[in-house]
Amino acid sequence: MSVHYEPDRDRYVVRWREGGRNRSRRFLRLEAAEAFDRGLRAPAAVAPVPVSARAGDGIYAYETRQASGFVFRQSDGSLSTRRG
């Protein structure tokens, strides 16, 4: 994602990628372009992942374009991932 000025059109342009396509939108004011860009960068809501009752267990959710998943630490200290 980026915000830049196009002097030929006297506009600020926000560019981003969505659904495998390059997208853009033009604004008259820099503040409006930056506000729109911040809205695109807002983190997606992630459903809470149940955590075991034992202290020290770490389960971390993540999102990709195709799926969601989580990373967890095994008893030997190594990290493992699961997708779904």
PDB file of N, CA and C in Angstrom:
ATOM      1  N   MET A   1       0.843  -1.171   0.000  1.00  0.00           N
ATOM      2  CA  MET A   1       0.000   0.000   0.000  1.00  0.00           C
ATOM      3  C   MET A   1       0.889   1.235   0.000  1.00  0.00           C
ATOM      4  N   SER A   2       0.433   2.227  -0.697  1.00  0.00           N
ATOM      5  CA  SER A   2       1.234   3.438  -0.750  1.00  0.00           C
ATOM      6  C   SER A   2       0.345   4.647  -1.005  1.00  0.00           C
ATOM      7  N   VAL A   3       0.844   5.797  -0.580  1.00  0.00           N
ATOM      8  CA  VAL A   3       0.195   7.078  -0.843  1.00  0.00           C
ATOM      9  C   VAL A   3       1.244   7.948  -1.525  1.00  0.00           C
ATOM     10  N   HIS A   4       0.910   8.492  -2.670  1.00  0.00           N
ATOM     11  CA  HIS A   4       1.838   9.396  -3.341  1.00  0.00           C
ATOM     12  C   HIS A   4       1.064  10.457  -4.115  1.00  0.00           C
ATOM     13  N   TYR A   5       1.778  11.491  -4.534  1.00  0.00           N
ATOM     14  CA  TYR A   5       1.190  12.636  -5.230  1.00  0.00           C
ATOM     15  C   TYR A   5       1.445  12.516  -6.725  1.00  0.00           C
ATOM     16  N   GLU A   6       0.407  12.734  -7.534  1.00  0.00           N
ATOM     17  CA  GLU A   6       0.539  12.776  -8.985  1.00  0.00           C
ATOM     18  C   GLU A   6       0.386  14.226  -9.435  1.00  0.00           C
ATOM     19  N   PRO A   7       1.480  14.897  -9.762  1.00  0.00           N
ATOM     20  CA  PRO A   7       1.394  16.320 -10.129  1.00  0.00           C
ATOM     21  C   PRO A   7       0.610  16.551 -11.425  1.00  0.00           C
ATOM     22  N   ASP A   8       0.615  15.593 -12.354  1.00  0.00           N
ATOM     23  CA  ASP A   8      -0.119  15.775 -13.609  1.00  0.00           C
ATOM     24  C   ASP A   8      -1.619  15.900 -13.371  1.00  0.00           C
ATOM     25  N   ARG A   9      -2.124  15.185 -12.390  1.00  0.00           N
ATOM     26  CA  ARG A   9      -3.559  15.198 -12.095  1.00  0.00           C
ATOM     27  C   ARG A   9      -3.895  16.031 -10.868  1.00  0.00           C
ATOM     28  N   ASP A  10      -2.870  16.526 -10.178  1.00  0.00           N
ATOM     29  CA  ASP A  10      -3.055  17.321  -8.965  1.00  0.00           C
ATOM     30  C   ASP A  10      -3.892  16.553  -7.939  1.00  0.00           C
ATOM     31  N   ARG A  11      -3.527  15.273  -7.754  1.00  0.00           N
ATOM     32  CA  ARG A  11      -4.260  14.400  -6.842  1.00  0.00           C
ATOM     33  C   ARG A  11      -3.277  13.530  -6.057  1.00  0.00           C
ATOM     34  N   TYR A  12      -3.734  13.079  -4.878  1.00  0.00           N
ATOM     35  CA  TYR A  12      -3.009  12.082  -4.094  1.00  0.00           C
ATOM     36  C   TYR A  12      -3.619  10.725  -4.409  1.00  0.00           C
ATOM     37  N   VAL A  13      -2.771   9.730  -4.603  1.00  0.00           N
ATOM     38  CA  VAL A  13      -3.223   8.403  -5.007  1.00  0.00           C
ATOM     39  C   VAL A  13      -2.854   7.383  -3.938  1.00  0.00           C
ATOM     40  N   VAL A  14      -3.821   6.541  -3.609  1.00  0.00           N
ATOM     41  CA  VAL A  14      -3.580   5.412  -2.712  1.00  0.00           C
ATOM     42  C   VAL A  14      -3.629   4.165  -3.569  1.00  0.00           C
ATOM     43  N   ARG A  15      -2.593   3.329  -3.480  1.00  0.00           N
ATOM     44  CA  ARG A  15      -2.549   2.081  -4.229  1.00  0.00           C
ATOM     45  C   ARG A  15      -2.446   0.925  -3.250  1.00  0.00           C
ATOM     46  N   TRP A  16      -3.186  -0.158  -3.547  1.00  0.00           N
ATOM     47  CA  TRP A  16      -3.136  -1.353  -2.706  1.00  0.00           C
ATOM     48  C   TRP A  16      -3.482  -2.570  -3.553  1.00  0.00           C
ATOM     49  N   ARG A  17      -3.307  -3.740  -2.993  1.00  0.00           N
ATOM     50  CA  ARG A  17      -3.609  -4.993  -3.677  1.00  0.00           C
ATOM     51  C   ARG A  17      -4.753  -5.675  -2.941  1.00  0.00           C
ATOM     52  N   GLU A  18      -5.781  -6.105  -3.704  1.00  0.00           N
ATOM     53  CA  GLU A  18      -6.954  -6.714  -3.099  1.00  0.00           C
ATOM     54  C   GLU A  18      -7.486  -7.796  -4.032  1.00  0.00           C
ATOM     55  N   GLY A  19      -7.662  -8.990  -3.484  1.00  0.00           N
ATOM     56  CA  GLY A  19      -8.206 -10.082  -4.284  1.00  0.00           C
ATOM     57  C   GLY A  19      -7.364 -10.408  -5.500  1.00  0.00           C
ATOM     58  N   GLY A  20      -6.045 -10.260  -5.406  1.00  0.00           N
ATOM     59  CA  GLY A  20      -5.158 -10.545  -6.517  1.00  0.00           C
ATOM     60  C   GLY A  20      -5.105  -9.460  -7.576  1.00  0.00           C
ATOM     61  N   ARG A  21      -5.744  -8.322  -7.320  1.00  0.00           N
ATOM     62  CA  ARG A  21      -5.757  -7.221  -8.285  1.00  0.00           C
ATOM     63  C   ARG A  21      -5.143  -5.977  -7.675  1.00  0.00           C
ATOM     64  N   ASN A  22      -4.487  -5.184  -8.512  1.00  0.00           N
ATOM     65  CA  ASN A  22      -3.974  -3.887  -8.079  1.00  0.00           C
ATOM     66  C   ASN A  22      -5.119  -2.886  -8.119  1.00  0.00           C
ATOM     67  N   ARG A  23      -5.303  -2.133  -7.043  1.00  0.00           N
ATOM     68  CA  ARG A  23      -6.372  -1.157  -6.934  1.00  0.00           C
ATOM     69  C   ARG A  23      -5.777   0.219  -6.668  1.00  0.00           C
ATOM     70  N   SER A  24      -6.512   1.273  -6.981  1.00  0.00           N
ATOM     71  CA  SER A  24      -6.072   2.638  -6.682  1.00  0.00           C
ATOM     72  C   SER A  24      -7.288   3.528  -6.505  1.00  0.00           C
ATOM     73  N   ARG A  25      -7.068   4.606  -5.762  1.00  0.00           N
ATOM     74  CA  ARG A  25      -8.109   5.610  -5.538  1.00  0.00           C
ATOM     75  C   ARG A  25      -7.437   6.964  -5.375  1.00  0.00           C
ATOM     76  N   ARG A  26      -8.045   8.006  -5.961  1.00  0.00           N
ATOM     77  CA  ARG A  26      -7.457   9.348  -5.933  1.00  0.00           C
ATOM     78  C   ARG A  26      -8.222  10.254  -4.975  1.00  0.00           C
ATOM     79  N   PHE A  27      -7.467  11.180  -4.351  1.00  0.00           N
ATOM     80  CA  PHE A  27      -8.035  12.121  -3.382  1.00  0.00           C
ATOM     81  C   PHE A  27      -7.475  13.506  -3.641  1.00  0.00           C
ATOM     82  N   LEU A  28      -8.272  14.537  -3.316  1.00  0.00           N
ATOM     83  CA  LEU A  28      -7.817  15.918  -3.452  1.00  0.00           C
ATOM     84  C   LEU A  28      -6.860  16.310  -2.333  1.00  0.00           C
ATOM     85  N   ARG A  29      -7.096  15.787  -1.125  1.00  0.00           N
ATOM     86  CA  ARG A  29      -6.298  16.186   0.038  1.00  0.00           C
ATOM     87  C   ARG A  29      -5.469  15.026   0.564  1.00  0.00           C
ATOM     88  N   LEU A  30      -4.284  15.340   1.048  1.00  0.00           N
ATOM     89  CA  LEU A  30      -3.389  14.333   1.605  1.00  0.00           C
ATOM     90  C   LEU A  30      -3.991  13.681   2.839  1.00  0.00           C
ATOM     91  N   GLU A  31      -4.661  14.450   3.678  1.00  0.00           N
ATOM     92  CA  GLU A  31      -5.252  13.902   4.907  1.00  0.00           C
ATOM     93  C   GLU A  31      -6.282  12.822   4.586  1.00  0.00           C
ATOM     94  N   ALA A  32      -7.103  13.050   3.561  1.00  0.00           N
ATOM     95  CA  ALA A  32      -8.115  12.061   3.176  1.00  0.00           C
ATOM     96  C   ALA A  32      -7.453  10.794   2.644  1.00  0.00           C
ATOM     97  N   ALA A  33      -6.397  10.950   1.848  1.00  0.00           N
ATOM     98  CA  ALA A  33      -5.684   9.786   1.310  1.00  0.00           C
ATOM     99  C   ALA A  33      -5.035   8.980   2.429  1.00  0.00           C
ATOM    100  N   GLU A  34      -4.407   9.662   3.386  1.00  0.00           N
ATOM    101  CA  GLU A  34      -3.759   8.949   4.491  1.00  0.00           C
ATOM    102  C   GLU A  34      -4.793   8.259   5.388  1.00  0.00           C
ATOM    103  N   ALA A  35      -5.946   8.887   5.601  1.00  0.00           N
ATOM    104  CA  ALA A  35      -6.996   8.268   6.408  1.00  0.00           C
ATOM    105  C   ALA A  35      -7.521   7.009   5.715  1.00  0.00           C
ATOM    106  N   PHE A  36      -7.710   7.067   4.409  1.00  0.00           N
ATOM    107  CA  PHE A  36      -8.158   5.899   3.662  1.00  0.00           C
ATOM    108  C   PHE A  36      -7.112   4.788   3.734  1.00  0.00           C
ATOM    109  N   ASP A  37      -5.842   5.141   3.601  1.00  0.00           N
ATOM    110  CA  ASP A  37      -4.748   4.167   3.683  1.00  0.00           C
ATOM    111  C   ASP A  37      -4.706   3.498   5.055  1.00  0.00           C
ATOM    112  N   ARG A  38      -4.892   4.293   6.116  1.00  0.00           N
ATOM    113  CA  ARG A  38      -4.923   3.715   7.470  1.00  0.00           C
ATOM    114  C   ARG A  38      -6.077   2.733   7.612  1.00  0.00           C
ATOM    115  N   GLY A  39      -7.222   3.039   7.005  1.00  0.00           N
ATOM    116  CA  GLY A  39      -8.372   2.132   7.050  1.00  0.00           C
ATOM    117  C   GLY A  39      -8.096   0.813   6.356  1.00  0.00           C
ATOM    118  N   LEU A  40      -7.308   0.858   5.293  1.00  0.00           N
ATOM    119  CA  LEU A  40      -6.937  -0.379   4.611  1.00  0.00           C
ATOM    120  C   LEU A  40      -5.992  -1.217   5.459  1.00  0.00           C
ATOM    121  N   ARG A  41      -5.191  -0.580   6.279  1.00  0.00           N
ATOM    122  CA  ARG A  41      -4.210  -1.284   7.097  1.00  0.00           C
ATOM    123  C   ARG A  41      -4.766  -1.781   8.428  1.00  0.00           C
ATOM    124  N   ALA A  42      -6.034  -1.503   8.714  1.00  0.00           N
ATOM    125  CA  ALA A  42      -6.621  -1.923   9.988  1.00  0.00           C
ATOM    126  C   ALA A  42      -6.542  -3.436  10.107  1.00  0.00           C
ATOM    127  N   PRO A  43      -6.143  -3.955  11.262  1.00  0.00           N
ATOM    128  CA  PRO A  43      -6.012  -5.405  11.410  1.00  0.00           C
ATOM    129  C   PRO A  43      -7.372  -6.096  11.341  1.00  0.00           C
ATOM    130  N   ALA A  44      -7.381  -7.251  10.721  1.00  0.00           N
ATOM    131  CA  ALA A  44      -8.611  -8.034  10.640  1.00  0.00           C
ATOM    132  C   ALA A  44      -8.889  -8.689  11.985  1.00  0.00           C
ATOM    133  N   ALA A  45     -10.159  -8.793  12.315  1.00  0.00           N
ATOM    134  CA  ALA A  45     -10.539  -9.433  13.575  1.00  0.00           C
ATOM    135  C   ALA A  45     -10.254 -10.926  13.489  1.00  0.00           C
ATOM    136  N   VAL A  46      -9.638 -11.456  14.506  1.00  0.00           N
ATOM    137  CA  VAL A  46      -9.298 -12.872  14.571  1.00  0.00           C
ATOM    138  C   VAL A  46     -10.123 -13.490  15.684  1.00  0.00           C
ATOM    139  N   ALA A  47     -10.750 -14.612  15.388  1.00  0.00           N
ATOM    140  CA  ALA A  47     -11.539 -15.301  16.410  1.00  0.00           C
ATOM    141  C   ALA A  47     -10.612 -15.769  17.522  1.00  0.00           C
ATOM    142  N   PRO A  48     -11.050 -15.658  18.777  1.00  0.00           N
ATOM    143  CA  PRO A  48     -10.198 -16.083  19.876  1.00  0.00           C
ATOM    144  C   PRO A  48      -9.894 -17.578  19.796  1.00  0.00           C
ATOM    145  N   VAL A  49      -8.668 -17.918  20.107  1.00  0.00           N
ATOM    146  CA  VAL A  49      -8.220 -19.305  20.099  1.00  0.00           C
ATOM    147  C   VAL A  49      -8.216 -19.802  21.536  1.00  0.00           C
ATOM    148  N   PRO A  50      -8.853 -20.935  21.813  1.00  0.00           N
ATOM    149  CA  PRO A  50      -8.841 -21.427  23.184  1.00  0.00           C
ATOM    150  C   PRO A  50      -7.427 -21.767  23.635  1.00  0.00           C
ATOM    151  N   VAL A  51      -7.106 -21.373  24.818  1.00  0.00           N
ATOM    152  CA  VAL A  51      -5.778 -21.588  25.374  1.00  0.00           C
ATOM    153  C   VAL A  51      -5.906 -22.572  26.529  1.00  0.00           C
ATOM    154  N   SER A  52      -4.957 -23.494  26.616  1.00  0.00           N
ATOM    155  CA  SER A  52      -5.024 -24.468  27.704  1.00  0.00           C
ATOM    156  C   SER A  52      -4.822 -23.771  29.044  1.00  0.00           C
ATOM    157  N   ALA A  53      -5.221 -24.423  30.099  1.00  0.00           N
ATOM    158  CA  ALA A  53      -5.172 -23.818  31.433  1.00  0.00           C
ATOM    159  C   ALA A  53      -3.768 -23.776  32.000  1.00  0.00           C
ATOM    160  N   ARG A  54      -2.848 -24.524  31.410  1.00  0.00           N
ATOM    161  CA  ARG A  54      -1.494 -24.574  31.950  1.00  0.00           C
ATOM    162  C   ARG A  54      -0.746 -23.275  31.656  1.00  0.00           C
ATOM    163  N   ALA A  55      -0.133 -22.695  32.648  1.00  0.00           N
ATOM    164  CA  ALA A  55       0.602 -21.434  32.470  1.00  0.00           C
ATOM    165  C   ALA A  55       1.826 -21.667  31.594  1.00  0.00           C
ATOM    166  N   GLY A  56       2.159 -20.692  30.763  1.00  0.00           N
ATOM    167  CA  GLY A  56       3.346 -20.782  29.923  1.00  0.00           C
ATOM    168  C   GLY A  56       3.066 -21.309  28.532  1.00  0.00           C
ATOM    169  N   ASP A  57       1.870 -21.839  28.267  1.00  0.00           N
ATOM    170  CA  ASP A  57       1.544 -22.300  26.924  1.00  0.00           C
ATOM    171  C   ASP A  57       1.286 -21.084  26.047  1.00  0.00           C
ATOM    172  N   GLY A  58       1.841 -21.076  24.855  1.00  0.00           N
ATOM    173  CA  GLY A  58       1.638 -19.947  23.944  1.00  0.00           C
ATOM    174  C   GLY A  58       1.003 -20.424  22.663  1.00  0.00           C
ATOM    175  N   ILE A  59      -0.169 -19.894  22.345  1.00  0.00           N
ATOM    176  CA  ILE A  59      -0.850 -20.189  21.093  1.00  0.00           C
ATOM    177  C   ILE A  59      -1.100 -18.849  20.418  1.00  0.00           C
ATOM    178  N   TYR A  60      -0.613 -18.720  19.175  1.00  0.00           N
ATOM    179  CA  TYR A  60      -0.684 -17.450  18.471  1.00  0.00           C
ATOM    180  C   TYR A  60      -1.418 -17.646  17.145  1.00  0.00           C
ATOM    181  N   ALA A  61      -2.555 -16.974  16.961  1.00  0.00           N
ATOM    182  CA  ALA A  61      -3.330 -17.072  15.727  1.00  0.00           C
ATOM    183  C   ALA A  61      -2.712 -16.182  14.656  1.00  0.00           C
ATOM    184  N   TYR A  62      -2.892 -16.579  13.376  1.00  0.00           N
ATOM    185  CA  TYR A  62      -2.446 -15.754  12.264  1.00  0.00           C
ATOM    186  C   TYR A  62      -3.398 -15.943  11.091  1.00  0.00           C
ATOM    187  N   GLU A  63      -3.368 -15.000  10.141  1.00  0.00           N
ATOM    188  CA  GLU A  63      -4.205 -15.035   8.946  1.00  0.00           C
ATOM    189  C   GLU A  63      -3.305 -14.960   7.713  1.00  0.00           C
ATOM    190  N   THR A  64      -3.631 -15.734   6.684  1.00  0.00           N
ATOM    191  CA  THR A  64      -2.995 -15.611   5.379  1.00  0.00           C
ATOM    192  C   THR A  64      -4.097 -15.334   4.367  1.00  0.00           C
ATOM    193  N   ARG A  65      -3.742 -15.171   3.109  1.00  0.00           N
ATOM    194  CA  ARG A  65      -4.760 -14.915   2.094  1.00  0.00           C
ATOM    195  C   ARG A  65      -5.668 -16.124   1.902  1.00  0.00           C
ATOM    196  N   GLN A  66      -5.127 -17.340   2.066  1.00  0.00           N
ATOM    197  CA  GLN A  66      -5.914 -18.534   1.791  1.00  0.00           C
ATOM    198  C   GLN A  66      -6.578 -19.137   3.025  1.00  0.00           C
ATOM    199  N   ALA A  67      -5.976 -18.993   4.179  1.00  0.00           N
ATOM    200  CA  ALA A  67      -6.520 -19.679   5.364  1.00  0.00           C
ATOM    201  C   ALA A  67      -6.046 -18.997   6.635  1.00  0.00           C
ATOM    202  N   SER A  68      -6.580 -19.462   7.739  1.00  0.00           N
ATOM    203  CA  SER A  68      -6.108 -19.017   9.038  1.00  0.00           C
ATOM    204  C   SER A  68      -5.443 -20.206   9.718  1.00  0.00           C
ATOM    205  N   GLY A  69      -4.716 -19.935  10.764  1.00  0.00           N
ATOM    206  CA  GLY A  69      -4.042 -21.008  11.474  1.00  0.00           C
ATOM    207  C   GLY A  69      -3.517 -20.518  12.793  1.00  0.00           C
ATOM    208  N   PHE A  70      -2.693 -21.345  13.426  1.00  0.00           N
ATOM    209  CA  PHE A  70      -2.093 -20.937  14.683  1.00  0.00           C
ATOM    210  C   PHE A  70      -0.738 -21.596  14.855  1.00  0.00           C
ATOM    211  N   VAL A  71       0.082 -20.965  15.644  1.00  0.00           N
ATOM    212  CA  VAL A  71       1.420 -21.455  15.989  1.00  0.00           C
ATOM    213  C   VAL A  71       1.401 -21.745  17.474  1.00  0.00           C
ATOM    214  N   PHE A  72       2.016 -22.846  17.872  1.00  0.00           N
ATOM    215  CA  PHE A  72       2.077 -23.172  19.297  1.00  0.00           C
ATOM    216  C   PHE A  72       3.430 -23.769  19.638  1.00  0.00           C
ATOM    217  N   ARG A  73       3.773 -23.706  20.905  1.00  0.00           N
ATOM    218  CA  ARG A  73       5.049 -24.218  21.379  1.00  0.00           C
ATOM    219  C   ARG A  73       4.828 -25.603  21.987  1.00  0.00           C
ATOM    220  N   GLN A  74       5.611 -26.582  21.515  1.00  0.00           N
ATOM    221  CA  GLN A  74       5.499 -27.940  22.028  1.00  0.00           C
ATOM    222  C   GLN A  74       6.259 -28.075  23.343  1.00  0.00           C
ATOM    223  N   SER A  75       6.106 -29.233  23.978  1.00  0.00           N
ATOM    224  CA  SER A  75       6.712 -29.437  25.288  1.00  0.00           C
ATOM    225  C   SER A  75       8.241 -29.385  25.242  1.00  0.00           C
ATOM    226  N   ASP A  76       8.840 -29.703  24.086  1.00  0.00           N
ATOM    227  CA  ASP A  76      10.307 -29.636  23.981  1.00  0.00           C
ATOM    228  C   ASP A  76      10.802 -28.234  23.640  1.00  0.00           C
ATOM    229  N   GLY A  77       9.881 -27.278  23.458  1.00  0.00           N
ATOM    230  CA  GLY A  77      10.256 -25.891  23.187  1.00  0.00           C
ATOM    231  C   GLY A  77      10.223 -25.513  21.728  1.00  0.00           C
ATOM    232  N   SER A  78      10.030 -26.478  20.823  1.00  0.00           N
ATOM    233  CA  SER A  78       9.997 -26.151  19.396  1.00  0.00           C
ATOM    234  C   SER A  78       8.616 -25.613  19.005  1.00  0.00           C
ATOM    235  N   LEU A  79       8.572 -24.856  17.896  1.00  0.00           N
ATOM    236  CA  LEU A  79       7.314 -24.284  17.418  1.00  0.00           C
ATOM    237  C   LEU A  79       6.701 -25.198  16.359  1.00  0.00           C
ATOM    238  N   SER A  80       5.386 -25.319  16.389  1.00  0.00           N
ATOM    239  CA  SER A  80       4.630 -26.071  15.389  1.00  0.00           C
ATOM    240  C   SER A  80       3.483 -25.217  14.905  1.00  0.00           C
ATOM    241  N   THR A  81       3.015 -25.483  13.679  1.00  0.00           N
ATOM    242  CA  THR A  81       1.900 -24.730  13.111  1.00  0.00           C
ATOM    243  C   THR A  81       0.791 -25.678  12.695  1.00  0.00           C
ATOM    244  N   ARG A  82      -0.418 -25.172  12.690  1.00  0.00           N
ATOM    245  CA  ARG A  82      -1.585 -25.886  12.181  1.00  0.00           C
ATOM    246  C   ARG A  82      -2.419 -24.879  11.407  1.00  0.00           C
ATOM    247  N   ARG A  83      -2.951 -25.328  10.278  1.00  0.00           N
ATOM    248  CA  ARG A  83      -3.802 -24.467   9.455  1.00  0.00           C
ATOM    249  C   ARG A  83      -5.197 -25.051   9.410  1.00  0.00           C
ATOM    250  N   GLY A  84      -6.161 -24.164   9.220  1.00  0.00           N
ATOM    251  CA  GLY A  84      -7.515 -24.692   9.096  1.00  0.00           C
ATOM    252  C   GLY A  84      -8.558 -23.656   9.356  1.00  0.00           C
TER     253      GLY A  84
END
